[in-house]
N, C-alpha and C. Protein backbone atom coordinates (compact mmCIF):
# COMPACT_ATOMS: atom_id res chain seq x y z
N VAL A 1 95.03 118.70 117.24
CA VAL A 1 94.30 117.74 116.22
C VAL A 1 93.35 118.63 115.95
N LYS A 2 93.11 118.15 114.40
CA LYS A 2 92.97 119.27 113.27
C LYS A 2 91.06 118.22 112.72
N ARG A 3 90.20 119.35 112.65
CA ARG A 3 89.07 118.30 111.72
C ARG A 3 89.28 118.67 110.60
N VAL A 4 89.17 117.34 109.97
CA VAL A 4 89.47 117.35 108.20
C VAL A 4 87.62 117.63 107.89
N ALA A 5 87.77 117.87 106.55
CA ALA A 5 86.38 118.24 105.22
C ALA A 5 85.74 116.37 105.21
N ALA A 6 84.59 116.43 105.89
CA ALA A 6 84.09 114.57 105.07
C ALA A 6 84.42 114.10 104.49
N SER A 7 84.82 115.16 103.33
CA SER A 7 85.41 113.85 102.00
C SER A 7 86.26 113.27 101.63
N PHE A 8 87.37 114.31 103.40
CA PHE A 8 88.73 113.32 103.24
C PHE A 8 88.96 111.79 103.81
N ASN A 9 89.77 110.81 102.52
CA ASN A 9 89.68 109.94 102.94
C ASN A 9 91.26 109.60 102.67
N SER A 10 91.70 108.97 103.97
CA SER A 10 93.11 108.98 104.29
C SER A 10 93.65 107.34 103.41
N LYS A 11 93.26 106.99 102.91
CA LYS A 11 93.42 106.19 102.23
C LYS A 11 94.26 106.51 100.18
N ASN A 12 93.35 107.85 100.27
CA ASN A 12 93.10 107.83 98.80
C ASN A 12 94.18 109.41 98.60
N SER A 13 93.90 110.15 99.87
CA SER A 13 94.48 111.47 100.78
C SER A 13 96.41 111.59 101.05
N CYS A 14 97.01 110.18 100.47
CA CYS A 14 98.16 110.27 101.34
C CYS A 14 98.98 110.53 99.86
N ASP A 15 99.87 111.09 100.75
CA ASP A 15 101.25 111.27 99.43
C ASP A 15 102.31 110.59 99.91
N ALA A 16 102.67 110.34 100.61
CA ALA A 16 103.36 108.56 101.08
C ALA A 16 102.43 106.71 101.89
N ARG A 17 103.56 105.96 101.75
CA ARG A 17 103.40 104.95 102.18
C ARG A 17 104.50 104.75 102.86
N THR A 18 104.55 104.10 104.46
CA THR A 18 105.58 103.32 104.73
C THR A 18 104.95 101.74 104.81
N TYR A 19 106.31 100.80 105.41
CA TYR A 19 106.08 99.72 104.98
C TYR A 19 106.96 99.07 105.72
N ILE A 20 106.95 97.88 106.95
CA ILE A 20 107.45 97.62 108.12
C ILE A 20 107.93 96.09 107.33
N TYR A 21 108.39 95.96 107.30
CA TYR A 21 108.93 94.29 107.52
C TYR A 21 110.02 93.58 108.21
N ILE A 22 108.95 92.64 109.43
CA ILE A 22 110.01 92.18 109.89
C ILE A 22 110.71 90.94 110.03
N LEU A 23 112.12 90.48 109.89
CA LEU A 23 112.55 89.45 108.89
C LEU A 23 113.73 88.96 110.12
N PRO A 24 113.65 87.18 109.96
CA PRO A 24 114.81 86.66 110.26
C PRO A 24 115.87 86.46 110.16
N THR A 25 117.11 87.45 110.81
CA THR A 25 118.17 87.76 109.66
C THR A 25 118.42 86.42 109.01
N TYR A 26 118.25 85.33 109.80
CA TYR A 26 118.24 83.93 109.23
C TYR A 26 118.26 83.85 107.75
N ALA A 27 116.77 84.96 107.36
CA ALA A 27 117.20 84.90 105.88
C ALA A 27 118.11 85.35 105.48
N PHE A 28 119.11 85.72 105.81
CA PHE A 28 120.01 86.72 104.71
C PHE A 28 120.89 85.50 104.59
N CYS A 29 121.10 83.85 105.44
CA CYS A 29 122.08 83.74 105.45
C CYS A 29 122.54 83.30 104.32
N PRO A 30 124.17 83.41 103.97
CA PRO A 30 125.00 82.42 102.46
C PRO A 30 124.14 81.13 102.34
N ILE A 31 123.97 80.91 101.06
CA ILE A 31 123.00 79.64 100.80
C ILE A 31 123.81 78.49 100.61
N GLU A 32 125.77 78.73 100.91
CA GLU A 32 125.93 77.16 101.79
C GLU A 32 125.69 76.53 102.95
N GLU A 33 125.63 77.96 103.54
CA GLU A 33 125.63 77.90 105.17
C GLU A 33 123.72 77.00 105.57
N ILE A 34 123.79 75.88 106.20
CA ILE A 34 122.83 75.44 107.42
C ILE A 34 121.61 76.95 107.42
N THR A 35 121.07 77.04 107.20
CA THR A 35 120.27 78.10 107.41
C THR A 35 119.15 77.18 109.20
N SER A 36 119.40 78.86 110.03
CA SER A 36 119.30 78.38 111.56
C SER A 36 119.05 78.85 111.78
N GLU A 37 117.93 78.47 112.87
CA GLU A 37 117.56 80.12 114.11
C GLU A 37 118.80 80.37 115.24
N SER A 38 119.95 79.80 115.06
CA SER A 38 120.45 79.93 115.85
C SER A 38 122.66 80.81 114.57
N TYR A 39 122.12 80.89 113.14
CA TYR A 39 122.40 82.38 113.01
C TYR A 39 122.09 83.37 113.19
N ARG A 40 123.69 84.68 113.35
CA ARG A 40 123.61 86.00 113.18
C ARG A 40 124.73 86.58 112.49
N ILE A 41 123.78 87.56 112.34
CA ILE A 41 124.07 88.59 110.87
C ILE A 41 125.65 88.91 111.55
N THR A 42 126.79 89.36 110.11
CA THR A 42 127.50 89.60 110.60
C THR A 42 127.14 91.32 110.53
N PRO A 43 128.27 92.30 111.04
CA PRO A 43 128.36 93.68 110.41
C PRO A 43 128.48 93.74 108.96
N GLU A 44 128.74 93.06 107.85
CA GLU A 44 129.22 93.48 107.25
C GLU A 44 128.33 92.37 106.30
N VAL A 45 127.56 91.22 106.30
CA VAL A 45 126.26 91.00 105.56
C VAL A 45 125.24 92.34 106.00
N LEU A 46 125.20 92.75 107.16
CA LEU A 46 124.28 93.63 107.51
C LEU A 46 124.16 94.71 106.75
N GLN A 47 125.74 95.42 106.00
CA GLN A 47 126.26 96.46 105.27
C GLN A 47 125.74 96.21 103.55
N LEU A 48 126.03 94.93 103.93
CA LEU A 48 125.67 94.77 102.30
C LEU A 48 124.20 94.63 102.04
N VAL A 49 123.38 94.41 103.21
CA VAL A 49 122.16 94.14 102.94
C VAL A 49 121.49 95.47 102.67
N LYS A 50 121.99 96.44 103.39
CA LYS A 50 121.59 98.18 103.50
C LYS A 50 122.24 98.72 102.38
N ASP A 51 123.23 98.12 101.49
CA ASP A 51 123.98 98.42 100.01
C ASP A 51 122.79 98.06 99.19
N VAL A 52 122.54 96.66 99.29
CA VAL A 52 121.55 96.36 98.19
C VAL A 52 120.35 97.24 97.98
N SER A 53 118.97 97.00 98.98
CA SER A 53 118.55 98.03 99.57
C SER A 53 118.39 98.94 98.79
N SER A 54 119.66 100.30 99.16
CA SER A 54 119.90 101.80 98.34
C SER A 54 119.69 101.70 97.17
N GLU A 55 120.15 100.11 96.56
CA GLU A 55 119.78 99.84 94.87
C GLU A 55 118.23 100.73 94.21
N TYR A 56 116.83 100.47 95.79
CA TYR A 56 115.44 101.14 95.38
C TYR A 56 115.43 102.68 95.71
N LEU A 57 116.18 103.15 95.78
CA LEU A 57 116.20 104.70 96.09
C LEU A 57 115.59 105.63 94.89
N GLY A 58 114.47 106.25 95.03
CA GLY A 58 114.76 106.84 93.69
C GLY A 58 113.59 106.56 93.07
N SER A 59 113.14 107.39 91.49
CA SER A 59 112.39 106.29 90.81
C SER A 59 112.84 106.02 89.46
N HIS A 60 111.95 104.99 89.61
CA HIS A 60 112.63 103.19 89.00
C HIS A 60 111.07 102.62 88.06
N ASN A 61 111.38 102.23 86.92
CA ASN A 61 110.24 101.13 86.63
C ASN A 61 110.46 100.00 87.10
N PHE A 62 109.02 99.63 87.67
CA PHE A 62 108.74 98.32 88.52
C PHE A 62 108.08 97.48 88.17
N HIS A 63 107.76 97.53 86.88
CA HIS A 63 106.74 96.35 85.99
C HIS A 63 107.00 95.41 86.52
N ASN A 64 108.52 94.94 86.52
CA ASN A 64 109.11 94.03 87.11
C ASN A 64 108.49 93.09 88.16
N PHE A 65 108.53 94.06 89.12
CA PHE A 65 107.46 93.48 90.84
C PHE A 65 106.41 93.44 90.04
N THR A 66 105.61 93.85 89.71
CA THR A 66 104.31 93.39 90.40
C THR A 66 103.71 92.50 88.74
N SER A 67 102.50 92.01 89.05
CA SER A 67 101.93 91.10 87.93
C SER A 67 101.24 91.76 86.53
N GLY A 68 100.78 92.09 85.13
CA GLY A 68 100.18 92.35 84.86
C GLY A 68 100.57 94.06 83.87
N LYS A 69 101.41 94.59 84.26
CA LYS A 69 102.63 95.90 84.21
C LYS A 69 103.31 95.30 82.69
N LYS A 70 103.32 96.74 82.19
CA LYS A 70 104.22 96.35 80.91
C LYS A 70 104.99 97.36 81.09
N PHE A 71 106.63 97.40 80.60
CA PHE A 71 107.10 98.28 80.66
C PHE A 71 106.70 99.47 80.29
N THR A 72 106.48 99.40 79.52
CA THR A 72 105.58 100.76 78.60
C THR A 72 104.37 101.50 79.84
N ASP A 73 103.84 100.69 80.42
CA ASP A 73 102.97 101.86 81.23
C ASP A 73 103.61 102.36 82.20
N PRO A 74 102.87 104.03 82.35
CA PRO A 74 103.36 104.52 82.74
C PRO A 74 102.83 104.86 84.40
N SER A 75 102.64 103.62 84.70
CA SER A 75 101.82 103.86 85.97
C SER A 75 102.78 102.51 87.11
N ALA A 76 103.89 102.15 85.89
CA ALA A 76 104.53 101.14 86.53
C ALA A 76 105.75 102.50 87.54
N ARG A 77 106.07 103.18 86.85
CA ARG A 77 106.87 104.29 87.05
C ARG A 77 106.45 104.65 88.91
N ARG A 78 107.28 103.92 89.89
CA ARG A 78 107.27 104.67 91.23
C ARG A 78 108.37 105.55 92.25
N HIS A 79 108.15 106.24 92.83
CA HIS A 79 109.36 106.59 93.86
C HIS A 79 109.57 106.05 95.07
N ILE A 80 110.40 105.98 95.57
CA ILE A 80 111.80 105.30 96.37
C ILE A 80 111.72 106.49 96.65
N PHE A 81 111.37 106.43 98.29
CA PHE A 81 111.84 107.71 99.21
C PHE A 81 112.89 107.13 100.27
N SER A 82 112.69 107.16 100.77
CA SER A 82 113.60 106.03 102.13
C SER A 82 114.00 104.42 102.19
N ILE A 83 114.52 103.29 102.42
CA ILE A 83 115.02 102.48 102.91
C ILE A 83 115.92 102.29 104.18
N ASN A 84 115.39 101.88 104.66
CA ASN A 84 116.08 101.59 106.11
C ASN A 84 116.52 100.59 106.96
N VAL A 85 117.40 99.37 106.62
CA VAL A 85 117.21 98.53 107.29
C VAL A 85 117.92 99.33 109.04
N ALA A 86 116.92 98.24 110.07
CA ALA A 86 118.04 98.12 111.31
C ALA A 86 118.69 97.76 111.77
N GLU A 87 119.29 98.15 112.69
CA GLU A 87 120.42 97.25 113.54
C GLU A 87 119.51 95.67 114.24
N PRO A 88 119.91 94.50 114.23
CA PRO A 88 119.49 93.46 114.68
C PRO A 88 118.90 93.80 116.20
N PHE A 89 118.24 92.95 116.41
CA PHE A 89 117.49 92.88 118.10
C PHE A 89 117.16 91.43 118.38
N MET A 90 117.50 90.74 119.82
CA MET A 90 116.72 89.34 119.70
C MET A 90 115.43 89.43 120.65
N LYS A 91 114.81 88.79 119.80
CA LYS A 91 113.37 87.96 120.29
C LYS A 91 113.33 86.35 120.50
N GLU A 92 113.33 85.95 121.48
CA GLU A 92 113.03 84.83 121.89
C GLU A 92 114.33 83.99 121.30
N ASN A 93 115.69 84.55 121.07
CA ASN A 93 117.29 83.96 121.16
C ASN A 93 116.97 83.23 119.67
N VAL A 94 116.09 84.74 118.66
CA VAL A 94 115.96 84.71 117.17
C VAL A 94 116.40 86.23 116.98
N GLN A 95 117.14 86.49 116.32
CA GLN A 95 117.91 87.55 115.47
C GLN A 95 116.93 87.69 114.29
N PHE A 96 116.28 89.12 114.52
CA PHE A 96 115.45 89.97 113.70
C PHE A 96 116.11 90.95 113.33
N THR A 97 115.59 91.77 111.76
CA THR A 97 115.87 92.86 111.74
C THR A 97 114.78 93.53 110.76
N ILE A 98 114.52 95.10 110.92
CA ILE A 98 113.55 95.38 110.35
C ILE A 98 113.82 96.58 109.13
N ILE A 99 113.23 96.20 108.25
CA ILE A 99 113.33 96.92 106.62
C ILE A 99 112.30 97.65 106.82
N THR A 100 111.84 99.18 106.77
CA THR A 100 111.53 100.17 106.82
C THR A 100 111.33 100.29 104.91
N ILE A 101 110.51 100.80 104.31
CA ILE A 101 110.31 101.12 102.64
C ILE A 101 109.03 102.24 102.87
N LYS A 102 109.44 103.47 102.87
CA LYS A 102 108.72 104.71 102.39
C LYS A 102 108.33 104.42 100.94
N GLY A 103 107.67 105.06 99.59
CA GLY A 103 107.53 105.22 98.67
C GLY A 103 106.14 106.31 98.53
N GLN A 104 105.92 106.74 97.19
CA GLN A 104 105.24 107.23 96.97
C GLN A 104 103.72 106.83 96.51
N SER A 105 103.81 105.09 96.11
CA SER A 105 103.16 104.80 96.19
C SER A 105 103.48 102.78 96.04
N PHE A 106 102.64 102.51 96.43
CA PHE A 106 103.45 100.54 95.80
C PHE A 106 101.84 100.04 95.01
N MET A 107 102.33 99.14 94.16
CA MET A 107 101.94 98.29 92.94
C MET A 107 101.48 97.11 93.96
N LEU A 108 101.05 96.14 93.69
CA LEU A 108 100.91 95.00 94.54
C LEU A 108 101.94 94.07 93.74
N HIS A 109 102.10 93.12 95.53
CA HIS A 109 103.62 92.77 95.09
C HIS A 109 104.95 93.67 95.40
N GLN A 110 104.32 94.10 94.85
CA GLN A 110 105.70 94.59 94.22
C GLN A 110 107.09 95.06 96.04
N ILE A 111 106.43 95.42 97.04
CA ILE A 111 107.24 95.14 98.13
C ILE A 111 107.91 93.74 98.52
N ARG A 112 106.81 93.06 98.12
CA ARG A 112 107.17 91.78 98.95
C ARG A 112 107.92 90.77 97.75
N LYS A 113 108.52 91.46 96.37
CA LYS A 113 109.28 90.79 95.40
C LYS A 113 110.22 91.86 95.71
N MET A 114 110.72 92.88 96.26
CA MET A 114 111.83 94.12 96.05
C MET A 114 112.51 92.94 97.32
N THR A 115 111.84 92.70 98.81
CA THR A 115 112.12 92.46 99.41
C THR A 115 112.63 91.07 99.36
N SER A 116 112.59 90.01 98.50
CA SER A 116 112.85 88.88 98.14
C SER A 116 113.94 88.79 97.53
N LEU A 117 113.81 89.54 96.84
CA LEU A 117 115.03 89.76 96.38
C LEU A 117 116.17 90.51 96.62
N ILE A 118 115.94 91.19 97.29
CA ILE A 118 117.34 91.94 98.30
C ILE A 118 118.05 90.21 98.87
N ILE A 119 116.88 89.82 99.59
CA ILE A 119 117.41 88.33 100.53
C ILE A 119 117.84 87.25 99.42
N ALA A 120 118.03 86.70 98.22
CA ALA A 120 118.22 86.75 97.18
C ALA A 120 119.54 86.96 96.86
N ILE A 121 119.89 88.33 96.81
CA ILE A 121 120.98 88.57 96.00
C ILE A 121 122.46 88.11 97.76
N VAL A 122 121.86 88.84 98.82
CA VAL A 122 122.63 88.82 99.91
C VAL A 122 122.52 86.92 99.73
N ARG A 123 122.03 86.12 99.89
CA ARG A 123 122.08 85.34 99.68
C ARG A 123 123.28 84.33 99.11
N GLY A 124 123.32 84.89 97.36
CA GLY A 124 124.04 84.27 96.63
C GLY A 124 123.55 84.07 95.47
N ILE A 125 122.18 83.49 95.55
CA ILE A 125 121.12 82.93 95.09
C ILE A 125 121.08 83.85 93.84
N ALA A 126 120.55 85.21 93.65
CA ALA A 126 120.87 86.44 92.08
C ALA A 126 121.84 87.25 92.67
N SER A 127 122.75 87.48 90.93
CA SER A 127 123.96 88.60 90.86
C SER A 127 122.94 89.97 91.88
N ARG A 128 124.34 90.94 91.88
CA ARG A 128 124.22 92.36 92.34
C ARG A 128 123.36 93.19 91.73
N ASP A 129 123.95 92.58 89.98
CA ASP A 129 123.09 93.11 89.24
C ASP A 129 121.67 93.29 88.52
N THR A 130 121.02 91.73 89.39
CA THR A 130 119.38 92.08 89.10
C THR A 130 118.39 92.91 89.49
N ILE A 131 118.79 94.12 90.27
CA ILE A 131 117.84 94.74 90.46
C ILE A 131 117.80 95.72 90.00
N GLN A 132 118.84 96.18 88.64
CA GLN A 132 119.20 97.14 88.04
C GLN A 132 118.75 96.27 86.32
N GLN A 133 119.29 94.96 86.47
CA GLN A 133 118.21 94.57 85.06
C GLN A 133 116.39 94.68 85.43
N ALA A 134 116.86 94.71 86.57
CA ALA A 134 114.64 94.38 86.54
C ALA A 134 113.82 95.63 85.99
N TYR A 135 115.07 96.73 85.95
CA TYR A 135 113.87 98.15 85.68
C TYR A 135 114.07 98.02 84.50
N ASN A 136 114.83 97.06 83.41
CA ASN A 136 114.71 96.83 82.16
C ASN A 136 113.24 96.65 81.06
N ALA A 137 113.39 96.60 80.04
CA ALA A 137 112.03 96.21 79.05
C ALA A 137 112.48 94.83 79.89
N ASP A 138 112.72 93.58 79.84
CA ASP A 138 113.28 92.14 80.06
C ASP A 138 111.73 92.25 81.22
N LYS A 139 111.34 90.93 80.49
CA LYS A 139 110.46 90.12 82.15
C LYS A 139 111.34 89.32 82.18
């Protein structure tokens, strides 16, 4: 353990943040199927979740993932270092997975909107190119 200066503030002095979302796998159930706790994610769907998630990696303009930011606002550009989708696990007869997102910093609602867009794409509600479109100037 090393003592830090009294002026050190972990909230403002960090170089990255990591967020963990624990989701029931039935969140990824195809839209045409009945969503239920008995749903078990297939290896193919889990791989799709991983593939879609990886489209967030790197530096992008996330103005469409928060409110009140314009495309031209430099503060809307954020860097995502890593996204991990864990193998599913069971808890009280419900299957879950964990999505871990590490980034330089995040804006209000950004992670929730990122996660919900992954779900929408995997379920077939949104098209696969929606993430790339969201990086563009259009709202």
